[in-house]
Amino acid sequence: KLATVTRESQWITSEVARERSLDLREQADAIMVGAGTVLA
């Protein structure tokens, strides 16, 4: 699951994992999300 049934998702993973996730942003040219993520 990416979130609970109430759409709560912050934070599923640990701070260390979130740091590694942010590192992926540093490597990529662009990041994409859908409108649902922007609205939520």
PDB file of all heavy atoms in Angstrom:
ATOM      1  N   LYS A   1       0.823  -1.205   0.000  1.00  0.00           N
ATOM      2  CA  LYS A   1       0.000   0.000   0.000  1.00  0.00           C
ATOM      3  C   LYS A   1       0.863   1.263   0.000  1.00  0.00           C
ATOM      4  O   LYS A   1       1.866   1.347   0.714  1.00  0.00           O
ATOM      5  CB  LYS A   1      -0.922   0.014   1.229  1.00  0.00           C
ATOM      6  CG  LYS A   1      -1.806  -1.221   1.354  1.00  0.00           C
ATOM      7  CD  LYS A   1      -2.737  -1.368   0.160  1.00  0.00           C
ATOM      8  CE  LYS A   1      -3.674  -2.564   0.348  1.00  0.00           C
ATOM      9  NZ  LYS A   1      -4.589  -2.729  -0.801  1.00  0.00           N
ATOM     10  N   LEU A   2       0.436   2.252  -0.786  1.00  0.00           N
ATOM     11  CA  LEU A   2       1.126   3.538  -0.837  1.00  0.00           C
ATOM     12  C   LEU A   2       0.602   4.507   0.210  1.00  0.00           C
ATOM     13  O   LEU A   2       1.224   5.544   0.464  1.00  0.00           O
ATOM     14  CB  LEU A   2       0.967   4.164  -2.225  1.00  0.00           C
ATOM     15  CG  LEU A   2       1.409   3.322  -3.428  1.00  0.00           C
ATOM     16  CD1 LEU A   2       1.181   4.097  -4.717  1.00  0.00           C
ATOM     17  CD2 LEU A   2       2.863   2.922  -3.299  1.00  0.00           C
ATOM     18  N   ALA A   3      -0.535   4.178   0.793  1.00  0.00           N
ATOM     19  CA  ALA A   3      -1.154   5.019   1.819  1.00  0.00           C
ATOM     20  C   ALA A   3      -2.237   4.201   2.511  1.00  0.00           C
ATOM     21  O   ALA A   3      -2.561   3.084   2.084  1.00  0.00           O
ATOM     22  CB  ALA A   3      -1.759   6.278   1.201  1.00  0.00           C
ATOM     23  N   THR A   4      -2.806   4.746   3.568  1.00  0.00           N
ATOM     24  CA  THR A   4      -3.915   4.083   4.248  1.00  0.00           C
ATOM     25  C   THR A   4      -5.207   4.349   3.476  1.00  0.00           C
ATOM     26  O   THR A   4      -5.222   5.077   2.473  1.00  0.00           O
ATOM     27  CB  THR A   4      -4.066   4.619   5.678  1.00  0.00           C
ATOM     28  OG1 THR A   4      -4.468   6.002   5.607  1.00  0.00           O
ATOM     29  CG2 THR A   4      -2.750   4.511   6.449  1.00  0.00           C
ATOM     30  N   VAL A   5      -6.310   3.783   3.947  1.00  0.00           N
ATOM     31  CA  VAL A   5      -7.598   4.001   3.281  1.00  0.00           C
ATOM     32  C   VAL A   5      -8.014   5.468   3.352  1.00  0.00           C
ATOM     33  O   VAL A   5      -8.811   5.934   2.534  1.00  0.00           O
ATOM     34  CB  VAL A   5      -8.699   3.113   3.896  1.00  0.00           C
ATOM     35  CG1 VAL A   5      -8.475   1.657   3.547  1.00  0.00           C
ATOM     36  CG2 VAL A   5      -8.782   3.309   5.401  1.00  0.00           C
ATOM     37  N   THR A   6      -7.484   6.225   4.334  1.00  0.00           N
ATOM     38  CA  THR A   6      -7.787   7.657   4.433  1.00  0.00           C
ATOM     39  C   THR A   6      -6.783   8.500   3.665  1.00  0.00           C
ATOM     40  O   THR A   6      -6.773   9.724   3.765  1.00  0.00           O
ATOM     41  CB  THR A   6      -7.807   8.100   5.905  1.00  0.00           C
ATOM     42  OG1 THR A   6      -6.512   7.861   6.482  1.00  0.00           O
ATOM     43  CG2 THR A   6      -8.869   7.349   6.686  1.00  0.00           C
ATOM     44  N   ARG A   7      -5.894   7.827   2.892  1.00  0.00           N
ATOM     45  CA  ARG A   7      -4.869   8.466   2.042  1.00  0.00           C
ATOM     46  C   ARG A   7      -3.742   9.101   2.858  1.00  0.00           C
ATOM     47  O   ARG A   7      -3.064   9.998   2.378  1.00  0.00           O
ATOM     48  CB  ARG A   7      -5.480   9.507   1.101  1.00  0.00           C
ATOM     49  CG  ARG A   7      -6.507   8.939   0.115  1.00  0.00           C
ATOM     50  CD  ARG A   7      -5.928   7.752  -0.657  1.00  0.00           C
ATOM     51  NE  ARG A   7      -6.754   7.324  -1.763  1.00  0.00           N
ATOM     52  CZ  ARG A   7      -7.651   6.336  -1.700  1.00  0.00           C
ATOM     53  NH1 ARG A   7      -7.830   5.695  -0.553  1.00  0.00           N
ATOM     54  NH2 ARG A   7      -8.346   5.977  -2.759  1.00  0.00           N
ATOM     55  N   GLU A   8      -3.526   8.643   4.071  1.00  0.00           N
ATOM     56  CA  GLU A   8      -2.390   9.117   4.853  1.00  0.00           C
ATOM     57  C   GLU A   8      -1.138   8.358   4.402  1.00  0.00           C
ATOM     58  O   GLU A   8      -1.114   7.127   4.403  1.00  0.00           O
ATOM     59  CB  GLU A   8      -2.616   8.879   6.352  1.00  0.00           C
ATOM     60  CG  GLU A   8      -1.468   9.390   7.207  1.00  0.00           C
ATOM     61  CD  GLU A   8      -1.658   9.076   8.686  1.00  0.00           C
ATOM     62  OE1 GLU A   8      -2.742   8.568   9.060  1.00  0.00           O
ATOM     63  OE2 GLU A   8      -0.714   9.329   9.449  1.00  0.00           O
ATOM     64  N   SER A   9      -0.087   9.106   4.019  1.00  0.00           N
ATOM     65  CA  SER A   9       1.121   8.458   3.512  1.00  0.00           C
ATOM     66  C   SER A   9       2.412   9.024   4.094  1.00  0.00           C
ATOM     67  O   SER A   9       3.495   8.509   3.809  1.00  0.00           O
ATOM     68  CB  SER A   9       1.183   8.592   1.979  1.00  0.00           C
ATOM     69  OG  SER A   9       1.225   9.951   1.604  1.00  0.00           O
ATOM     70  N   GLN A  10       2.339  10.089   4.873  1.00  0.00           N
ATOM     71  CA  GLN A  10       3.542  10.693   5.457  1.00  0.00           C
ATOM     72  C   GLN A  10       3.638  10.349   6.946  1.00  0.00           C
ATOM     73  O   GLN A  10       2.813  10.795   7.724  1.00  0.00           O
ATOM     74  CB  GLN A  10       3.511  12.206   5.277  1.00  0.00           C
ATOM     75  CG  GLN A  10       3.543  12.635   3.810  1.00  0.00           C
ATOM     76  CD  GLN A  10       3.528  14.143   3.654  1.00  0.00           C
ATOM     77  OE1 GLN A  10       3.178  14.871   4.575  1.00  0.00           O
ATOM     78  NE2 GLN A  10       3.888  14.632   2.495  1.00  0.00           N
ATOM     79  N   TRP A  11       4.657   9.559   7.353  1.00  0.00           N
ATOM     80  CA  TRP A  11       5.662   8.973   6.460  1.00  0.00           C
ATOM     81  C   TRP A  11       5.631   7.465   6.583  1.00  0.00           C
ATOM     82  O   TRP A  11       5.620   6.955   7.716  1.00  0.00           O
ATOM     83  CB  TRP A  11       7.057   9.492   6.779  1.00  0.00           C
ATOM     84  CG  TRP A  11       7.171  10.965   6.602  1.00  0.00           C
ATOM     85  CD1 TRP A  11       7.131  11.913   7.564  1.00  0.00           C
ATOM     86  CD2 TRP A  11       7.355  11.661   5.357  1.00  0.00           C
ATOM     87  NE1 TRP A  11       7.289  13.168   7.020  1.00  0.00           N
ATOM     88  CE2 TRP A  11       7.436  13.037   5.666  1.00  0.00           C
ATOM     89  CE3 TRP A  11       7.470  11.242   4.030  1.00  0.00           C
ATOM     90  CZ2 TRP A  11       7.598  14.004   4.684  1.00  0.00           C
ATOM     91  CZ3 TRP A  11       7.648  12.212   3.073  1.00  0.00           C
ATOM     92  CH2 TRP A  11       7.722  13.573   3.392  1.00  0.00           C
ATOM     93  N   ILE A  12       5.565   6.751   5.476  1.00  0.00           N
ATOM     94  CA  ILE A  12       5.555   5.288   5.507  1.00  0.00           C
ATOM     95  C   ILE A  12       6.940   4.762   5.845  1.00  0.00           C
ATOM     96  O   ILE A  12       7.086   3.851   6.663  1.00  0.00           O
ATOM     97  CB  ILE A  12       5.068   4.720   4.153  1.00  0.00           C
ATOM     98  CG1 ILE A  12       3.551   4.928   4.021  1.00  0.00           C
ATOM     99  CG2 ILE A  12       5.421   3.243   4.019  1.00  0.00           C
ATOM    100  CD1 ILE A  12       2.994   4.474   2.682  1.00  0.00           C
ATOM    101  N   THR A  13       7.959   5.325   5.231  1.00  0.00           N
ATOM    102  CA  THR A  13       9.321   4.811   5.397  1.00  0.00           C
ATOM    103  C   THR A  13      10.126   5.686   6.360  1.00  0.00           C
ATOM    104  O   THR A  13       9.708   6.778   6.751  1.00  0.00           O
ATOM    105  CB  THR A  13      10.053   4.749   4.047  1.00  0.00           C
ATOM    106  OG1 THR A  13       9.999   6.040   3.422  1.00  0.00           O
ATOM    107  CG2 THR A  13       9.401   3.717   3.137  1.00  0.00           C
ATOM    108  N   SER A  14      11.311   5.191   6.707  1.00  0.00           N
ATOM    109  CA  SER A  14      12.182   5.867   7.664  1.00  0.00           C
ATOM    110  C   SER A  14      12.855   7.084   7.049  1.00  0.00           C
ATOM    111  O   SER A  14      12.873   7.266   5.826  1.00  0.00           O
ATOM    112  CB  SER A  14      13.251   4.900   8.165  1.00  0.00           C
ATOM    113  OG  SER A  14      14.109   4.533   7.092  1.00  0.00           O
ATOM    114  N   GLU A  15      13.447   7.914   7.889  1.00  0.00           N
ATOM    115  CA  GLU A  15      14.157   9.095   7.414  1.00  0.00           C
ATOM    116  C   GLU A  15      15.341   8.712   6.528  1.00  0.00           C
ATOM    117  O   GLU A  15      15.645   9.398   5.548  1.00  0.00           O
ATOM    118  CB  GLU A  15      14.641   9.925   8.598  1.00  0.00           C
ATOM    119  CG  GLU A  15      15.294  11.237   8.196  1.00  0.00           C
ATOM    120  CD  GLU A  15      15.673  12.085   9.388  1.00  0.00           C
ATOM    121  OE1 GLU A  15      15.233  11.775  10.505  1.00  0.00           O
ATOM    122  OE2 GLU A  15      16.417  13.074   9.198  1.00  0.00           O
ATOM    123  N   VAL A  16      16.005   7.606   6.863  1.00  0.00           N
ATOM    124  CA  VAL A  16      17.137   7.153   6.056  1.00  0.00           C
ATOM    125  C   VAL A  16      16.675   6.793   4.647  1.00  0.00           C
ATOM    126  O   VAL A  16      17.325   7.142   3.651  1.00  0.00           O
ATOM    127  CB  VAL A  16      17.834   5.951   6.720  1.00  0.00           C
ATOM    128  CG1 VAL A  16      18.986   5.440   5.853  1.00  0.00           C
ATOM    129  CG2 VAL A  16      18.351   6.326   8.099  1.00  0.00           C
ATOM    130  N   ALA A  17      15.554   6.108   4.540  1.00  0.00           N
ATOM    131  CA  ALA A  17      15.009   5.744   3.231  1.00  0.00           C
ATOM    132  C   ALA A  17      14.582   6.981   2.453  1.00  0.00           C
ATOM    133  O   ALA A  17      14.771   7.058   1.231  1.00  0.00           O
ATOM    134  CB  ALA A  17      13.840   4.785   3.394  1.00  0.00           C
ATOM    135  N   ARG A  18      14.020   7.954   3.146  1.00  0.00           N
ATOM    136  CA  ARG A  18      13.607   9.184   2.463  1.00  0.00           C
ATOM    137  C   ARG A  18      14.824   9.940   1.927  1.00  0.00           C
ATOM    138  O   ARG A  18      14.766  10.554   0.861  1.00  0.00           O
ATOM    139  CB  ARG A  18      12.792  10.072   3.416  1.00  0.00           C
ATOM    140  CG  ARG A  18      11.463   9.448   3.818  1.00  0.00           C
ATOM    141  CD  ARG A  18      10.508  10.468   4.390  1.00  0.00           C
ATOM    142  NE  ARG A  18      10.978  11.107   5.612  1.00  0.00           N
ATOM    143  CZ  ARG A  18      10.801  10.623   6.830  1.00  0.00           C
ATOM    144  NH1 ARG A  18      10.177   9.458   6.993  1.00  0.00           N
ATOM    145  NH2 ARG A  18      11.222  11.280   7.888  1.00  0.00           N
ATOM    146  N   GLU A  19      15.924   9.886   2.663  1.00  0.00           N
ATOM    147  CA  GLU A  19      17.162  10.517   2.179  1.00  0.00           C
ATOM    148  C   GLU A  19      17.647   9.842   0.899  1.00  0.00           C
ATOM    149  O   GLU A  19      18.061  10.506  -0.052  1.00  0.00           O
ATOM    150  CB  GLU A  19      18.235  10.421   3.265  1.00  0.00           C
ATOM    151  CG  GLU A  19      19.521  11.153   2.938  1.00  0.00           C
ATOM    152  CD  GLU A  19      19.501  12.609   3.349  1.00  0.00           C
ATOM    153  OE1 GLU A  19      18.463  13.088   3.840  1.00  0.00           O
ATOM    154  OE2 GLU A  19      20.523  13.280   3.169  1.00  0.00           O
ATOM    155  N   ARG A  20      17.590   8.511   0.861  1.00  0.00           N
ATOM    156  CA  ARG A  20      17.991   7.787  -0.340  1.00  0.00           C
ATOM    157  C   ARG A  20      17.043   8.122  -1.495  1.00  0.00           C
ATOM    158  O   ARG A  20      17.474   8.240  -2.652  1.00  0.00           O
ATOM    159  CB  ARG A  20      17.988   6.278  -0.077  1.00  0.00           C
ATOM    160  CG  ARG A  20      18.443   5.422  -1.252  1.00  0.00           C
ATOM    161  CD  ARG A  20      19.914   5.594  -1.557  1.00  0.00           C
ATOM    162  NE  ARG A  20      20.715   4.966  -0.529  1.00  0.00           N
ATOM    163  CZ  ARG A  20      21.109   3.686  -0.535  1.00  0.00           C
ATOM    164  NH1 ARG A  20      20.786   2.911  -1.560  1.00  0.00           N
ATOM    165  NH2 ARG A  20      21.835   3.199   0.433  1.00  0.00           N
ATOM    166  N   SER A  21      15.779   8.284  -1.185  1.00  0.00           N
ATOM    167  CA  SER A  21      14.800   8.648  -2.198  1.00  0.00           C
ATOM    168  C   SER A  21      15.099  10.027  -2.778  1.00  0.00           C
ATOM    169  O   SER A  21      15.020  10.238  -3.995  1.00  0.00           O
ATOM    170  CB  SER A  21      13.395   8.634  -1.590  1.00  0.00           C
ATOM    171  OG  SER A  21      12.431   9.086  -2.507  1.00  0.00           O
ATOM    172  N   LEU A  22      15.467  10.966  -1.929  1.00  0.00           N
ATOM    173  CA  LEU A  22      15.817  12.306  -2.395  1.00  0.00           C
ATOM    174  C   LEU A  22      17.058  12.279  -3.279  1.00  0.00           C
ATOM    175  O   LEU A  22      17.201  13.095  -4.190  1.00  0.00           O
ATOM    176  CB  LEU A  22      16.035  13.247  -1.213  1.00  0.00           C
ATOM    177  CG  LEU A  22      14.783  13.646  -0.431  1.00  0.00           C
ATOM    178  CD1 LEU A  22      15.168  14.436   0.814  1.00  0.00           C
ATOM    179  CD2 LEU A  22      13.835  14.470  -1.305  1.00  0.00           C
ATOM    180  N   ASP A  23      17.961  11.333  -3.019  1.00  0.00           N
ATOM    181  CA  ASP A  23      19.155  11.200  -3.847  1.00  0.00           C
ATOM    182  C   ASP A  23      18.788  10.834  -5.290  1.00  0.00           C
ATOM    183  O   ASP A  23      19.457  11.263  -6.230  1.00  0.00           O
ATOM    184  CB  ASP A  23      20.094  10.147  -3.259  1.00  0.00           C
ATOM    185  CG  ASP A  23      21.416  10.074  -3.990  1.00  0.00           C
ATOM    186  OD1 ASP A  23      22.263  10.960  -3.775  1.00  0.00           O
ATOM    187  OD2 ASP A  23      21.601   9.145  -4.799  1.00  0.00           O
ATOM    188  N   LEU A  24      17.730  10.072  -5.469  1.00  0.00           N
ATOM    189  CA  LEU A  24      17.272   9.730  -6.815  1.00  0.00           C
ATOM    190  C   LEU A  24      16.845  10.986  -7.572  1.00  0.00           C
ATOM    191  O   LEU A  24      17.045  11.096  -8.782  1.00  0.00           O
ATOM    192  CB  LEU A  24      16.124   8.733  -6.756  1.00  0.00           C
ATOM    193  CG  LEU A  24      16.459   7.334  -6.210  1.00  0.00           C
ATOM    194  CD1 LEU A  24      15.190   6.505  -6.076  1.00  0.00           C
ATOM    195  CD2 LEU A  24      17.458   6.626  -7.109  1.00  0.00           C
ATOM    196  N   ARG A  25      16.253  11.945  -6.864  1.00  0.00           N
ATOM    197  CA  ARG A  25      15.876  13.201  -7.509  1.00  0.00           C
ATOM    198  C   ARG A  25      17.104  13.962  -8.006  1.00  0.00           C
ATOM    199  O   ARG A  25      17.053  14.620  -9.042  1.00  0.00           O
ATOM    200  CB  ARG A  25      15.099  14.091  -6.531  1.00  0.00           C
ATOM    201  CG  ARG A  25      13.714  13.607  -6.185  1.00  0.00           C
ATOM    202  CD  ARG A  25      13.008  14.653  -5.346  1.00  0.00           C
ATOM    203  NE  ARG A  25      11.674  14.225  -4.934  1.00  0.00           N
ATOM    204  CZ  ARG A  25      10.852  14.957  -4.195  1.00  0.00           C
ATOM    205  NH1 ARG A  25      11.244  16.165  -3.807  1.00  0.00           N
ATOM    206  NH2 ARG A  25       9.674  14.505  -3.856  1.00  0.00           N
ATOM    207  N   GLU A  26      18.180  13.882  -7.249  1.00  0.00           N
ATOM    208  CA  GLU A  26      19.404  14.584  -7.635  1.00  0.00           C
ATOM    209  C   GLU A  26      19.978  14.014  -8.937  1.00  0.00           C
ATOM    210  O   GLU A  26      20.631  14.726  -9.701  1.00  0.00           O
ATOM    211  CB  GLU A  26      20.450  14.482  -6.526  1.00  0.00           C
ATOM    212  CG  GLU A  26      20.030  15.062  -5.196  1.00  0.00           C
ATOM    213  CD  GLU A  26      20.098  16.576  -5.160  1.00  0.00           C
ATOM    214  OE1 GLU A  26      20.890  17.160  -5.921  1.00  0.00           O
ATOM    215  OE2 GLU A  26      19.358  17.187  -4.347  1.00  0.00           O
ATOM    216  N   GLN A  27      19.741  12.723  -9.184  1.00  0.00           N
ATOM    217  CA  GLN A  27      20.304  12.063 -10.355  1.00  0.00           C
ATOM    218  C   GLN A  27      19.446  12.231 -11.606  1.00  0.00           C
ATOM    219  O   GLN A  27      19.965  12.232 -12.729  1.00  0.00           O
ATOM    220  CB  GLN A  27      20.486  10.570 -10.078  1.00  0.00           C
ATOM    221  CG  GLN A  27      21.422  10.250  -8.936  1.00  0.00           C
ATOM    222  CD  GLN A  27      21.512   8.758  -8.691  1.00  0.00           C
ATOM    223  OE1 GLN A  27      21.588   7.953  -9.622  1.00  0.00           O
ATOM    224  NE2 GLN A  27      21.497   8.357  -7.432  1.00  0.00           N
ATOM    225  N   ALA A  28      18.141  12.339 -11.434  1.00  0.00           N
ATOM    226  CA  ALA A  28      17.224  12.381 -12.572  1.00  0.00           C
ATOM    227  C   ALA A  28      17.093  13.787 -13.133  1.00  0.00           C
ATOM    228  O   ALA A  28      17.284  14.784 -12.428  1.00  0.00           O
ATOM    229  CB  ALA A  28      15.856  11.850 -12.161  1.00  0.00           C
ATOM    230  N   ASP A  29      16.747  13.880 -14.415  1.00  0.00           N
ATOM    231  CA  ASP A  29      16.541  15.178 -15.056  1.00  0.00           C
ATOM    232  C   ASP A  29      15.201  15.788 -14.678  1.00  0.00           C
ATOM    233  O   ASP A  29      15.053  17.014 -14.686  1.00  0.00           O
ATOM    234  CB  ASP A  29      16.601  15.032 -16.581  1.00  0.00           C
ATOM    235  CG  ASP A  29      17.996  14.699 -17.074  1.00  0.00           C
ATOM    236  OD1 ASP A  29      18.975  15.034 -16.380  1.00  0.00           O
ATOM    237  OD2 ASP A  29      18.110  14.093 -18.158  1.00  0.00           O
ATOM    238  N   ALA A  30      14.210  14.953 -14.402  1.00  0.00           N
ATOM    239  CA  ALA A  30      12.880  15.468 -14.104  1.00  0.00           C
ATOM    240  C   ALA A  30      12.138  14.473 -13.214  1.00  0.00           C
ATOM    241  O   ALA A  30      12.450  13.288 -13.188  1.00  0.00           O
ATOM    242  CB  ALA A  30      12.089  15.714 -15.390  1.00  0.00           C
ATOM    243  N   ILE A  31      11.139  14.997 -12.509  1.00  0.00           N
ATOM    244  CA  ILE A  31      10.281  14.163 -11.675  1.00  0.00           C
ATOM    245  C   ILE A  31       8.842  14.353 -12.145  1.00  0.00           C
ATOM    246  O   ILE A  31       8.428  15.467 -12.484  1.00  0.00           O
ATOM    247  CB  ILE A  31      10.432  14.535 -10.185  1.00  0.00           C
ATOM    248  CG1 ILE A  31       9.516  13.687  -9.322  1.00  0.00           C
ATOM    249  CG2 ILE A  31      10.156  15.995  -9.947  1.00  0.00           C
ATOM    250  CD1 ILE A  31       9.725  13.916  -7.842  1.00  0.00           C
ATOM    251  N   MET A  32       8.095  13.256 -12.193  1.00  0.00           N
ATOM    252  CA  MET A  32       6.713  13.306 -12.673  1.00  0.00           C
ATOM    253  C   MET A  32       5.750  12.832 -11.595  1.00  0.00           C
ATOM    254  O   MET A  32       6.018  11.858 -10.887  1.00  0.00           O
ATOM    255  CB  MET A  32       6.554  12.433 -13.922  1.00  0.00           C
ATOM    256  CG  MET A  32       5.113  12.317 -14.433  1.00  0.00           C
ATOM    257  SD  MET A  32       4.942  11.178 -15.838  1.00  0.00           S
ATOM    258  CE  MET A  32       5.517  12.230 -17.176  1.00  0.00           C
ATOM    259  N   VAL A  33       4.612  13.526 -11.503  1.00  0.00           N
ATOM    260  CA  VAL A  33       3.515  13.089 -10.633  1.00  0.00           C
ATOM    261  C   VAL A  33       2.205  13.287 -11.376  1.00  0.00           C
ATOM    262  O   VAL A  33       2.124  14.050 -12.350  1.00  0.00           O
ATOM    263  CB  VAL A  33       3.476  13.866  -9.299  1.00  0.00           C
ATOM    264  CG1 VAL A  33       4.690  13.563  -8.443  1.00  0.00           C
ATOM    265  CG2 VAL A  33       3.339  15.363  -9.536  1.00  0.00           C
ATOM    266  N   GLY A  34       1.180  12.616 -10.884  1.00  0.00           N
ATOM    267  CA  GLY A  34      -0.156  12.792 -11.428  1.00  0.00           C
ATOM    268  C   GLY A  34      -0.903  13.880 -10.684  1.00  0.00           C
ATOM    269  O   GLY A  34      -0.492  14.336  -9.609  1.00  0.00           O
ATOM    270  N   ALA A  35      -2.036  14.281 -11.246  1.00  0.00           N
ATOM    271  CA  ALA A  35      -2.827  15.353 -10.648  1.00  0.00           C
ATOM    272  C   ALA A  35      -3.325  14.970  -9.259  1.00  0.00           C
ATOM    273  O   ALA A  35      -3.439  15.824  -8.375  1.00  0.00           O
ATOM    274  CB  ALA A  35      -4.009  15.683 -11.554  1.00  0.00           C
ATOM    275  N   GLY A  36      -3.617  13.678  -9.049  1.00  0.00           N
ATOM    276  CA  GLY A  36      -4.108  13.244  -7.747  1.00  0.00           C
ATOM    277  C   GLY A  36      -3.115  13.511  -6.639  1.00  0.00           C
ATOM    278  O   GLY A  36      -3.494  13.896  -5.525  1.00  0.00           O
ATOM    279  N   THR A  37      -1.828  13.325  -6.925  1.00  0.00           N
ATOM    280  CA  THR A  37      -0.789  13.594  -5.936  1.00  0.00           C
ATOM    281  C   THR A  37      -0.711  15.079  -5.626  1.00  0.00           C
ATOM    282  O   THR A  37      -0.529  15.482  -4.472  1.00  0.00           O
ATOM    283  CB  THR A  37       0.574  13.088  -6.447  1.00  0.00           C
ATOM    284  OG1 THR A  37       0.514  11.669  -6.605  1.00  0.00           O
ATOM    285  CG2 THR A  37       1.690  13.439  -5.484  1.00  0.00           C
ATOM    286  N   VAL A  38      -0.851  15.918  -6.653  1.00  0.00           N
ATOM    287  CA  VAL A  38      -0.817  17.367  -6.434  1.00  0.00           C
ATOM    288  C   VAL A  38      -2.006  17.804  -5.583  1.00  0.00           C
ATOM    289  O   VAL A  38      -1.866  18.601  -4.648  1.00  0.00           O
ATOM    290  CB  VAL A  38      -0.812  18.116  -7.778  1.00  0.00           C
ATOM    291  CG1 VAL A  38      -0.847  19.626  -7.558  1.00  0.00           C
ATOM    292  CG2 VAL A  38       0.414  17.738  -8.590  1.00  0.00           C
ATOM    293  N   LEU A  39      -3.187  17.265  -5.877  1.00  0.00           N
ATOM    294  CA  LEU A  39      -4.383  17.635  -5.127  1.00  0.00           C
ATOM    295  C   LEU A  39      -4.322  17.148  -3.681  1.00  0.00           C
ATOM    296  O   LEU A  39      -4.722  17.861  -2.755  1.00  0.00           O
ATOM    297  CB  LEU A  39      -5.623  17.060  -5.816  1.00  0.00           C
ATOM    298  CG  LEU A  39      -6.002  17.693  -7.163  1.00  0.00           C
ATOM    299  CD1 LEU A  39      -7.084  16.873  -7.850  1.00  0.00           C
ATOM    300  CD2 LEU A  39      -6.467  19.133  -6.965  1.00  0.00           C
ATOM    301  N   ALA A  40      -3.793  15.942  -3.474  1.00  0.00           N
ATOM    302  CA  ALA A  40      -3.780  15.357  -2.133  1.00  0.00           C
ATOM    303  C   ALA A  40      -2.675  15.904  -1.249  1.00  0.00           C
ATOM    304  O   ALA A  40      -2.878  16.152  -0.050  1.00  0.00           O
ATOM    305  CB  ALA A  40      -3.663  13.833  -2.240  1.00  0.00           C
TER     306      ALA A  40
END
